[in-house]
């Protein structure tokens, strides 16, 4: 009998609010379960689909972070300031 694998619902780990770290941790869990080879085929397919959504989410988060870093502009005094780029709303000043 195959051992039970901890599988959280995909909606909990693939939503827009999911942090990069949470998505990566879930991906690691999915890969470990797949590598163990004791996941039933139906569960394996479900986990694979969840994994592909998580990869897309992580790539999106990394791309956003990369764009933010690229937008840092050096000031005359050597300090850096963020400069908004298209598609991202600048935070309001307090």
N, C-alpha and C. Protein backbone atom coordinates (compact mmCIF):
# COMPACT_ATOMS: atom_id res chain seq x y z
N UNK A 1 0.84 -1.18 0.00
CA UNK A 1 0.00 0.00 0.00
C UNK A 1 0.89 1.24 0.00
N UNK A 2 0.55 2.22 -0.85
CA UNK A 2 1.33 3.45 -0.95
C UNK A 2 1.10 4.30 0.28
N UNK A 3 2.18 4.94 0.74
CA UNK A 3 2.02 5.79 1.92
C UNK A 3 1.34 7.09 1.52
N UNK A 4 0.64 7.68 2.48
CA UNK A 4 -0.07 8.93 2.23
C UNK A 4 0.93 10.06 2.08
N UNK A 5 0.68 10.91 1.11
CA UNK A 5 1.56 12.05 0.86
C UNK A 5 0.81 13.31 1.24
N UNK A 6 1.50 14.22 1.90
CA UNK A 6 0.89 15.48 2.29
C UNK A 6 0.66 16.32 1.05
N UNK A 7 -0.59 16.42 0.64
CA UNK A 7 -0.91 17.24 -0.53
C UNK A 7 -1.92 18.29 -0.13
N UNK A 8 -1.48 19.54 -0.12
CA UNK A 8 -2.39 20.62 0.20
C UNK A 8 -3.13 20.99 -1.08
N UNK A 9 -4.31 21.54 -0.94
CA UNK A 9 -5.05 21.94 -2.14
C UNK A 9 -4.25 22.93 -2.96
N UNK A 10 -4.34 22.79 -4.27
CA UNK A 10 -3.58 23.65 -5.17
C UNK A 10 -3.92 25.12 -4.96
N UNK A 11 -5.17 25.41 -4.61
CA UNK A 11 -5.57 26.80 -4.43
C UNK A 11 -4.83 27.46 -3.28
N UNK A 12 -4.37 26.69 -2.32
CA UNK A 12 -3.64 27.25 -1.19
C UNK A 12 -2.21 27.61 -1.55
N UNK A 13 -1.64 26.99 -2.56
CA UNK A 13 -0.22 27.21 -2.86
C UNK A 13 0.03 27.85 -4.22
N UNK A 14 -1.01 28.13 -4.97
CA UNK A 14 -0.78 28.71 -6.28
C UNK A 14 -1.46 30.04 -6.48
N UNK A 15 -2.08 30.58 -5.44
CA UNK A 15 -2.76 31.86 -5.53
C UNK A 15 -1.77 33.01 -5.65
N UNK A 16 -2.31 34.16 -6.04
CA UNK A 16 -1.48 35.35 -6.23
C UNK A 16 -0.80 35.78 -4.94
N UNK A 17 -1.39 35.44 -3.80
CA UNK A 17 -0.82 35.86 -2.52
C UNK A 17 0.31 34.95 -2.05
N UNK A 18 0.53 33.85 -2.71
CA UNK A 18 1.56 32.90 -2.31
C UNK A 18 2.94 33.53 -2.44
N UNK A 19 3.71 33.46 -1.36
CA UNK A 19 5.05 34.01 -1.41
C UNK A 19 5.97 33.08 -2.22
N UNK A 20 7.06 33.64 -2.67
CA UNK A 20 8.05 32.87 -3.42
C UNK A 20 8.55 31.71 -2.57
N UNK A 21 8.84 32.00 -1.30
CA UNK A 21 9.38 30.98 -0.40
C UNK A 21 8.38 29.85 -0.17
N UNK A 22 7.10 30.20 0.00
CA UNK A 22 6.06 29.18 0.20
C UNK A 22 5.92 28.31 -1.04
N UNK A 23 5.93 28.93 -2.21
CA UNK A 23 5.82 28.18 -3.46
C UNK A 23 7.01 27.24 -3.64
N UNK A 24 8.21 27.73 -3.34
CA UNK A 24 9.41 26.89 -3.47
C UNK A 24 9.37 25.70 -2.50
N UNK A 25 8.93 25.96 -1.28
CA UNK A 25 8.83 24.88 -0.30
C UNK A 25 7.85 23.81 -0.76
N UNK A 26 6.72 24.25 -1.32
CA UNK A 26 5.73 23.29 -1.82
C UNK A 26 6.29 22.52 -3.00
N UNK A 27 7.00 23.19 -3.88
CA UNK A 27 7.63 22.51 -5.02
C UNK A 27 8.60 21.43 -4.53
N UNK A 28 9.38 21.75 -3.52
CA UNK A 28 10.32 20.76 -2.97
C UNK A 28 9.58 19.55 -2.43
N UNK A 29 8.45 19.79 -1.76
CA UNK A 29 7.65 18.70 -1.22
C UNK A 29 7.11 17.82 -2.34
N UNK A 30 6.64 18.46 -3.41
CA UNK A 30 6.10 17.71 -4.55
C UNK A 30 7.19 16.87 -5.20
N UNK A 31 8.36 17.45 -5.41
CA UNK A 31 9.47 16.72 -6.04
C UNK A 31 9.89 15.53 -5.19
N UNK A 32 9.99 15.75 -3.88
CA UNK A 32 10.37 14.64 -2.99
C UNK A 32 9.37 13.50 -3.07
N UNK A 33 8.08 13.84 -3.09
CA UNK A 33 7.04 12.80 -3.18
C UNK A 33 7.14 12.05 -4.51
N UNK A 34 7.39 12.77 -5.59
CA UNK A 34 7.51 12.14 -6.90
C UNK A 34 8.74 11.25 -6.97
N UNK A 35 9.84 11.73 -6.41
CA UNK A 35 11.08 10.95 -6.43
C UNK A 35 10.96 9.69 -5.58
N UNK A 36 10.15 9.73 -4.54
CA UNK A 36 9.96 8.56 -3.69
C UNK A 36 9.28 7.43 -4.46
N UNK A 37 8.51 7.79 -5.46
CA UNK A 37 7.90 6.78 -6.33
C UNK A 37 6.71 6.06 -5.74
N UNK A 38 6.17 6.54 -4.64
CA UNK A 38 5.05 5.84 -4.02
C UNK A 38 3.76 6.64 -4.08
N UNK A 39 3.66 7.55 -5.05
CA UNK A 39 2.47 8.35 -5.23
C UNK A 39 1.61 7.70 -6.31
N UNK A 40 0.33 7.48 -6.04
CA UNK A 40 -0.55 6.92 -7.06
C UNK A 40 -0.59 7.83 -8.30
N UNK A 41 -0.83 7.25 -9.45
CA UNK A 41 -0.79 7.98 -10.71
C UNK A 41 -1.70 9.21 -10.71
N UNK A 42 -2.92 9.08 -10.24
CA UNK A 42 -3.85 10.21 -10.22
C UNK A 42 -3.30 11.35 -9.37
N UNK A 43 -2.75 11.03 -8.21
CA UNK A 43 -2.17 12.05 -7.33
C UNK A 43 -0.91 12.63 -7.97
N UNK A 44 -0.16 11.81 -8.65
CA UNK A 44 1.05 12.26 -9.33
C UNK A 44 0.72 13.31 -10.38
N UNK A 45 -0.32 13.06 -11.16
CA UNK A 45 -0.73 14.01 -12.19
C UNK A 45 -1.22 15.32 -11.57
N UNK A 46 -1.97 15.22 -10.49
CA UNK A 46 -2.46 16.41 -9.79
C UNK A 46 -1.29 17.22 -9.25
N UNK A 47 -0.32 16.54 -8.65
CA UNK A 47 0.85 17.22 -8.11
C UNK A 47 1.70 17.84 -9.22
N UNK A 48 1.80 17.16 -10.35
CA UNK A 48 2.55 17.69 -11.49
C UNK A 48 1.90 19.00 -11.97
N UNK A 49 0.58 18.99 -12.09
CA UNK A 49 -0.14 20.20 -12.52
C UNK A 49 0.07 21.33 -11.51
N UNK A 50 -0.02 21.01 -10.24
CA UNK A 50 0.23 22.02 -9.20
C UNK A 50 1.65 22.54 -9.31
N UNK A 51 2.59 21.66 -9.54
CA UNK A 51 3.99 22.05 -9.66
C UNK A 51 4.23 23.00 -10.82
N UNK A 52 3.58 22.74 -11.95
CA UNK A 52 3.76 23.64 -13.09
C UNK A 52 3.19 25.02 -12.81
N UNK A 53 2.08 25.08 -12.07
CA UNK A 53 1.53 26.39 -11.68
C UNK A 53 2.47 27.10 -10.71
N UNK A 54 3.05 26.35 -9.80
CA UNK A 54 3.99 26.95 -8.83
C UNK A 54 5.24 27.47 -9.52
N UNK A 55 5.74 26.73 -10.49
CA UNK A 55 6.91 27.18 -11.24
C UNK A 55 6.60 28.50 -11.94
N UNK A 56 5.43 28.58 -12.56
CA UNK A 56 5.03 29.82 -13.24
C UNK A 56 4.95 30.97 -12.25
N UNK A 57 4.39 30.71 -11.07
CA UNK A 57 4.28 31.74 -10.03
C UNK A 57 5.67 32.20 -9.59
N UNK A 58 6.59 31.28 -9.38
CA UNK A 58 7.95 31.63 -8.96
C UNK A 58 8.66 32.43 -10.05
N UNK A 59 8.50 32.03 -11.30
CA UNK A 59 9.13 32.76 -12.40
C UNK A 59 8.59 34.18 -12.47
N UNK A 60 7.28 34.33 -12.26
CA UNK A 60 6.66 35.65 -12.27
C UNK A 60 7.22 36.52 -11.14
N UNK A 61 7.33 35.94 -9.94
CA UNK A 61 7.86 36.69 -8.80
C UNK A 61 9.32 37.10 -9.04
N UNK A 62 10.11 36.19 -9.60
CA UNK A 62 11.51 36.51 -9.88
C UNK A 62 11.64 37.60 -10.93
N UNK A 63 10.81 37.53 -11.97
CA UNK A 63 10.85 38.54 -13.03
C UNK A 63 10.48 39.91 -12.47
N UNK A 64 9.47 39.95 -11.61
CA UNK A 64 9.06 41.21 -10.98
C UNK A 64 10.19 41.78 -10.14
N UNK A 65 10.84 40.93 -9.36
CA UNK A 65 11.96 41.38 -8.53
C UNK A 65 13.10 41.88 -9.41
N UNK A 66 13.38 41.19 -10.49
CA UNK A 66 14.44 41.60 -11.41
C UNK A 66 14.14 42.97 -12.00
N UNK A 67 12.91 43.19 -12.40
CA UNK A 67 12.53 44.49 -12.96
C UNK A 67 12.65 45.60 -11.94
N UNK A 68 12.28 45.32 -10.71
CA UNK A 68 12.41 46.33 -9.65
C UNK A 68 13.87 46.69 -9.43
N UNK A 69 14.72 45.70 -9.43
CA UNK A 69 16.15 45.94 -9.23
C UNK A 69 16.71 46.77 -10.38
N UNK A 70 16.29 46.45 -11.60
CA UNK A 70 16.77 47.18 -12.77
C UNK A 70 16.33 48.64 -12.74
N UNK A 71 15.24 48.92 -12.04
CA UNK A 71 14.72 50.28 -12.01
C UNK A 71 15.40 51.16 -10.97
N UNK A 72 16.28 50.60 -10.16
CA UNK A 72 16.99 51.43 -9.19
C UNK A 72 17.94 52.36 -9.93
N UNK A 73 17.83 53.61 -9.62
CA UNK A 73 18.66 54.62 -10.29
C UNK A 73 19.60 55.25 -9.27
N UNK A 74 20.84 55.40 -9.66
CA UNK A 74 21.82 56.01 -8.78
C UNK A 74 21.66 57.54 -8.80
N UNK A 75 21.61 58.11 -7.61
CA UNK A 75 21.49 59.57 -7.43
C UNK A 75 22.89 60.21 -7.49
N UNK A 76 22.91 61.51 -7.56
CA UNK A 76 24.19 62.23 -7.58
C UNK A 76 25.02 61.94 -6.34
N UNK A 77 24.38 61.76 -5.19
CA UNK A 77 25.13 61.50 -3.96
C UNK A 77 25.50 60.02 -3.81
N UNK A 78 25.20 59.21 -4.80
CA UNK A 78 25.55 57.79 -4.76
C UNK A 78 24.46 56.90 -4.22
N UNK A 79 23.40 57.50 -3.66
CA UNK A 79 22.30 56.69 -3.13
C UNK A 79 21.44 56.16 -4.28
N UNK A 80 20.67 55.15 -3.96
CA UNK A 80 19.79 54.56 -4.96
C UNK A 80 18.35 54.90 -4.63
N UNK A 81 17.55 55.11 -5.66
CA UNK A 81 16.12 55.32 -5.46
C UNK A 81 15.36 54.46 -6.46
N UNK A 82 14.25 53.89 -6.03
CA UNK A 82 13.47 53.09 -6.97
C UNK A 82 12.74 54.01 -7.94
N UNK A 83 12.65 53.59 -9.19
CA UNK A 83 11.91 54.34 -10.19
C UNK A 83 10.87 53.39 -10.76
N UNK A 84 9.58 53.76 -10.66
CA UNK A 84 8.53 52.86 -11.14
C UNK A 84 8.69 52.53 -12.62
N UNK A 85 8.25 51.36 -13.00
CA UNK A 85 8.24 50.98 -14.39
C UNK A 85 6.83 50.61 -14.79
N UNK A 86 6.57 50.55 -16.08
CA UNK A 86 5.23 50.28 -16.59
C UNK A 86 4.69 48.98 -16.01
N UNK A 87 3.43 49.00 -15.61
CA UNK A 87 2.79 47.80 -15.11
C UNK A 87 2.84 47.64 -13.61
N UNK A 88 3.60 48.47 -12.93
CA UNK A 88 3.67 48.40 -11.48
C UNK A 88 3.39 49.77 -10.91
N UNK A 89 2.42 49.83 -10.02
CA UNK A 89 2.05 51.09 -9.41
C UNK A 89 3.03 51.41 -8.29
N UNK A 90 3.54 52.63 -8.29
CA UNK A 90 4.48 53.06 -7.25
C UNK A 90 3.73 53.22 -5.94
N UNK A 91 4.37 52.81 -4.82
CA UNK A 91 3.72 52.99 -3.52
C UNK A 91 3.61 54.47 -3.19
N UNK A 92 2.51 54.84 -2.52
CA UNK A 92 2.32 56.23 -2.15
C UNK A 92 3.24 56.61 -1.01
N UNK A 93 3.73 57.86 -1.04
CA UNK A 93 4.61 58.34 0.03
C UNK A 93 3.78 58.64 1.26
N UNK A 94 4.40 58.40 2.42
CA UNK A 94 3.69 58.64 3.69
C UNK A 94 3.81 60.06 4.13
